[in-house]
Amino acid sequence: MGNEDKKPEGKISETKRPTLADFINDNERIITVLGVLMALTAYFSSSPIKPFGQIFSVLLLTLTLLVWFELWGQFPSEMGNSTLFWFESIFGLLVFALVGYWVVSIGCIFPQMVFLISFLLISSFISYLMKRFDIFNRFFKAEPGQKRILRIFLGVLILLISYLVGVFVVAVLIYKTYTPFTEYLISLGCSLP
């Protein structure tokens, strides 16, 4: 009756603490993707073709942070061994150092950021509405997968409209209003048309 509750002597019932090797084995793909994204972000932030380099680095930095937060959620909640603890701390510091490097190397990018954020929000919102309410198939009475050329044309048109609205938002928020913030941007060397 009491024998089932007893543990065999000589065996330790302590659970194994997570190690760095276990963590890397379980998450090697996401760590690799994060490393590639970080390298590309640093590379494009100092690209000789400034406008494209800045846009690519903004997008890559955003992806880097998204992947970092995903990886951060994979770290075990219980205390692992010391190498896992230091790996988590130093890797987090490295990601945020990349953000700092990016801010310093890009310099004055505020107008481009306003445009990019407004463009992404508008196009994402329109895309969400189109998918959520199946607007294309209802409007054109098409089955999923039909009228591919029309879908592509409509997608490009939506991106163009989102682009124009993003340019309008930047024009209204930044260029048409002369504020102390605009003076600050000019003092940093930003070129405002």
Protein backbone atom coordinates (compact mmCIF):
# COMPACT_ATOMS: atom_id res chain seq x y z
CA MET A 1 0.00 0.00 0.00
CA GLY A 2 2.76 2.49 0.83
CA ASN A 3 5.23 1.01 -1.70
CA GLU A 4 3.74 2.85 -4.70
CA ASP A 5 4.49 6.25 -3.16
CA LYS A 6 8.13 5.51 -2.38
CA LYS A 7 10.82 6.51 -4.84
CA PRO A 8 13.68 4.18 -5.57
CA GLU A 9 16.71 5.08 -3.56
CA GLY A 10 19.77 6.31 -5.36
CA LYS A 11 17.83 8.29 -8.01
CA ILE A 12 17.48 12.04 -7.74
CA SER A 13 13.98 13.28 -8.56
CA GLU A 14 15.16 16.76 -9.45
CA THR A 15 14.13 17.96 -12.90
CA LYS A 16 16.85 18.84 -15.37
CA ARG A 17 17.54 22.56 -15.64
CA PRO A 18 17.45 23.99 -19.18
CA THR A 19 20.87 24.42 -20.76
CA LEU A 20 22.18 26.61 -23.54
CA ALA A 21 22.82 23.58 -25.75
CA ASP A 22 19.21 22.41 -25.33
CA PHE A 23 17.90 25.89 -26.09
CA ILE A 24 20.02 26.25 -29.23
CA ASN A 25 19.07 22.76 -30.45
CA ASP A 26 15.38 23.57 -29.99
CA ASN A 27 15.56 27.03 -31.59
CA GLU A 28 18.42 26.87 -34.08
CA ARG A 29 16.31 27.95 -37.07
CA ILE A 30 14.90 31.05 -35.43
CA ILE A 31 18.35 31.99 -34.08
CA THR A 32 19.79 31.65 -37.59
CA VAL A 33 17.02 33.80 -39.09
CA LEU A 34 17.57 36.41 -36.40
CA GLY A 35 21.32 36.51 -37.09
CA VAL A 36 20.77 36.93 -40.83
CA LEU A 37 18.21 39.70 -40.28
CA MET A 38 20.55 41.52 -37.89
CA ALA A 39 23.42 41.33 -40.38
CA LEU A 40 21.26 42.59 -43.24
CA THR A 41 19.92 45.44 -41.09
CA ALA A 42 23.45 46.60 -40.29
CA TYR A 43 24.51 46.21 -43.92
CA PHE A 44 21.61 48.19 -45.41
CA SER A 45 21.80 50.94 -42.79
CA SER A 46 25.14 51.98 -44.30
CA SER A 47 24.20 51.33 -47.92
CA PRO A 48 25.57 53.80 -50.48
CA ILE A 49 22.11 54.07 -52.08
CA LYS A 50 20.59 56.01 -49.18
CA PRO A 51 16.83 55.99 -49.86
CA PHE A 52 16.66 52.27 -50.63
CA GLY A 53 19.11 51.37 -47.90
CA GLN A 54 17.07 53.31 -45.35
CA ILE A 55 13.79 51.70 -46.38
CA PHE A 56 15.30 48.20 -46.40
CA SER A 57 16.98 48.76 -43.05
CA VAL A 58 13.71 49.99 -41.50
CA LEU A 59 11.87 46.92 -42.74
CA LEU A 60 14.67 44.56 -41.74
CA LEU A 61 14.94 46.15 -38.29
CA THR A 62 11.19 45.66 -37.84
CA LEU A 63 11.52 42.00 -38.83
CA THR A 64 14.52 41.64 -36.52
CA LEU A 65 12.53 42.93 -33.57
CA LEU A 66 9.57 40.68 -34.40
CA VAL A 67 11.81 37.61 -34.57
CA TRP A 68 13.62 38.67 -31.39
CA PHE A 69 10.36 38.92 -29.46
CA GLU A 70 9.39 35.49 -30.78
CA LEU A 71 12.75 34.06 -29.67
CA TRP A 72 12.50 35.84 -26.34
CA GLY A 73 9.22 34.06 -25.72
CA GLN A 74 10.98 30.73 -26.30
CA PHE A 75 13.40 31.20 -23.41
CA PRO A 76 12.40 28.95 -20.51
CA SER A 77 10.49 30.61 -17.70
CA GLU A 78 12.37 28.66 -15.03
CA MET A 79 15.97 29.46 -14.26
CA GLY A 80 18.32 27.63 -16.58
CA ASN A 81 22.03 27.16 -16.17
CA SER A 82 24.30 30.20 -16.06
CA THR A 83 25.35 30.02 -19.72
CA LEU A 84 21.70 30.14 -20.82
CA PHE A 85 21.10 33.11 -18.53
CA TRP A 86 24.10 34.99 -19.94
CA PHE A 87 23.19 34.05 -23.52
CA GLU A 88 19.69 35.50 -23.06
CA SER A 89 21.04 38.69 -21.47
CA ILE A 90 23.83 39.32 -23.97
CA PHE A 91 21.68 38.44 -26.99
CA GLY A 92 19.02 40.89 -25.81
CA LEU A 93 21.69 43.55 -25.33
CA LEU A 94 23.00 42.81 -28.82
CA VAL A 95 19.56 43.31 -30.40
CA PHE A 96 19.04 46.62 -28.62
CA ALA A 97 22.60 47.71 -29.46
CA LEU A 98 21.68 47.05 -33.11
CA VAL A 99 18.67 49.35 -32.67
CA GLY A 100 20.99 52.02 -31.23
CA TYR A 101 23.50 51.56 -34.07
CA TRP A 102 20.67 51.79 -36.56
CA VAL A 103 19.37 55.06 -35.07
CA VAL A 104 22.85 56.61 -35.10
CA SER A 105 23.82 55.40 -38.59
CA ILE A 106 20.55 56.27 -40.30
CA GLY A 107 20.42 59.71 -38.76
CA CYS A 108 17.47 61.80 -39.81
CA ILE A 109 14.81 59.43 -41.09
CA PHE A 110 11.72 60.74 -39.34
CA PRO A 111 9.83 61.82 -42.50
CA GLN A 112 10.50 58.45 -44.14
CA MET A 113 9.36 56.65 -40.99
CA VAL A 114 6.08 58.59 -40.90
CA PHE A 115 5.51 57.71 -44.55
CA LEU A 116 6.43 54.05 -44.08
CA ILE A 117 4.24 53.62 -41.00
CA SER A 118 1.25 55.32 -42.62
CA PHE A 119 1.72 53.28 -45.81
CA LEU A 120 1.93 50.01 -43.88
CA LEU A 121 -1.09 50.81 -41.71
CA ILE A 122 -3.26 51.85 -44.64
CA SER A 123 -2.34 48.93 -46.90
CA SER A 124 -2.65 46.43 -44.04
CA PHE A 125 -6.06 47.79 -43.07
CA ILE A 126 -7.35 47.64 -46.66
CA SER A 127 -5.94 44.13 -47.10
CA TYR A 128 -7.55 43.01 -43.83
CA LEU A 129 -10.94 44.36 -44.90
CA MET A 130 -10.65 42.73 -48.34
CA LYS A 131 -9.86 39.33 -46.82
CA ARG A 132 -12.20 39.56 -43.83
CA PHE A 133 -15.29 40.39 -45.86
CA ASP A 134 -14.22 38.56 -49.05
CA ILE A 135 -14.83 41.78 -50.97
CA PHE A 136 -13.08 40.76 -54.20
CA ASN A 137 -15.00 37.52 -54.68
CA ARG A 138 -18.32 39.17 -53.75
CA PHE A 139 -17.82 42.25 -55.90
CA PHE A 140 -16.59 40.42 -59.00
CA LYS A 141 -18.62 37.24 -58.38
CA ALA A 142 -15.50 35.11 -58.61
CA GLU A 143 -14.49 31.87 -56.99
CA PRO A 144 -11.24 31.83 -55.01
CA GLY A 145 -8.33 31.57 -57.45
CA GLN A 146 -10.22 32.98 -60.45
CA LYS A 147 -9.52 36.24 -62.25
CA ARG A 148 -5.87 36.33 -61.25
CA ILE A 149 -4.92 39.26 -63.52
CA LEU A 150 -7.73 41.35 -62.06
CA ARG A 151 -6.60 40.44 -58.52
CA ILE A 152 -3.04 41.53 -59.30
CA PHE A 153 -4.25 44.77 -60.87
CA LEU A 154 -6.47 45.52 -57.88
CA GLY A 155 -3.61 44.73 -55.47
CA VAL A 156 -1.25 47.11 -57.29
CA LEU A 157 -3.99 49.76 -57.33
CA ILE A 158 -4.48 49.39 -53.56
CA LEU A 159 -0.72 49.72 -53.00
CA LEU A 160 -0.63 52.82 -55.19
CA ILE A 161 -3.53 54.39 -53.30
CA SER A 162 -1.84 53.54 -49.99
CA TYR A 163 1.38 55.11 -51.26
CA LEU A 164 -0.37 58.33 -52.28
CA VAL A 165 -2.23 58.56 -48.96
CA GLY A 166 1.09 57.97 -47.13
CA VAL A 167 2.70 60.82 -49.08
CA PHE A 168 -0.29 63.03 -48.24
CA VAL A 169 0.02 62.18 -44.52
CA VAL A 170 3.71 63.09 -44.53
CA ALA A 171 2.97 66.33 -46.36
CA VAL A 172 0.28 67.33 -43.90
CA LEU A 173 2.05 66.22 -40.72
CA ILE A 174 5.56 67.38 -41.45
CA TYR A 175 6.03 69.65 -44.41
CA LYS A 176 2.95 71.88 -44.22
CA THR A 177 3.30 72.64 -40.53
CA TYR A 178 6.26 74.55 -39.22
CA THR A 179 6.67 73.51 -35.63
CA PRO A 180 9.51 73.40 -33.13
CA PHE A 181 9.90 69.76 -34.10
CA THR A 182 10.41 70.79 -37.73
CA GLU A 183 13.07 73.24 -36.59
CA TYR A 184 14.72 70.42 -34.64
CA LEU A 185 14.74 68.20 -37.76
CA ILE A 186 16.33 71.01 -39.78
CA SER A 187 18.96 71.51 -37.06
CA LEU A 188 19.86 67.82 -37.39
CA GLY A 189 20.52 68.37 -41.07
CA CYS A 190 17.32 66.87 -42.43
CA SER A 191 16.40 68.13 -45.83
CA LEU A 192 12.80 69.24 -45.85
CA PRO A 193 11.47 70.19 -49.29
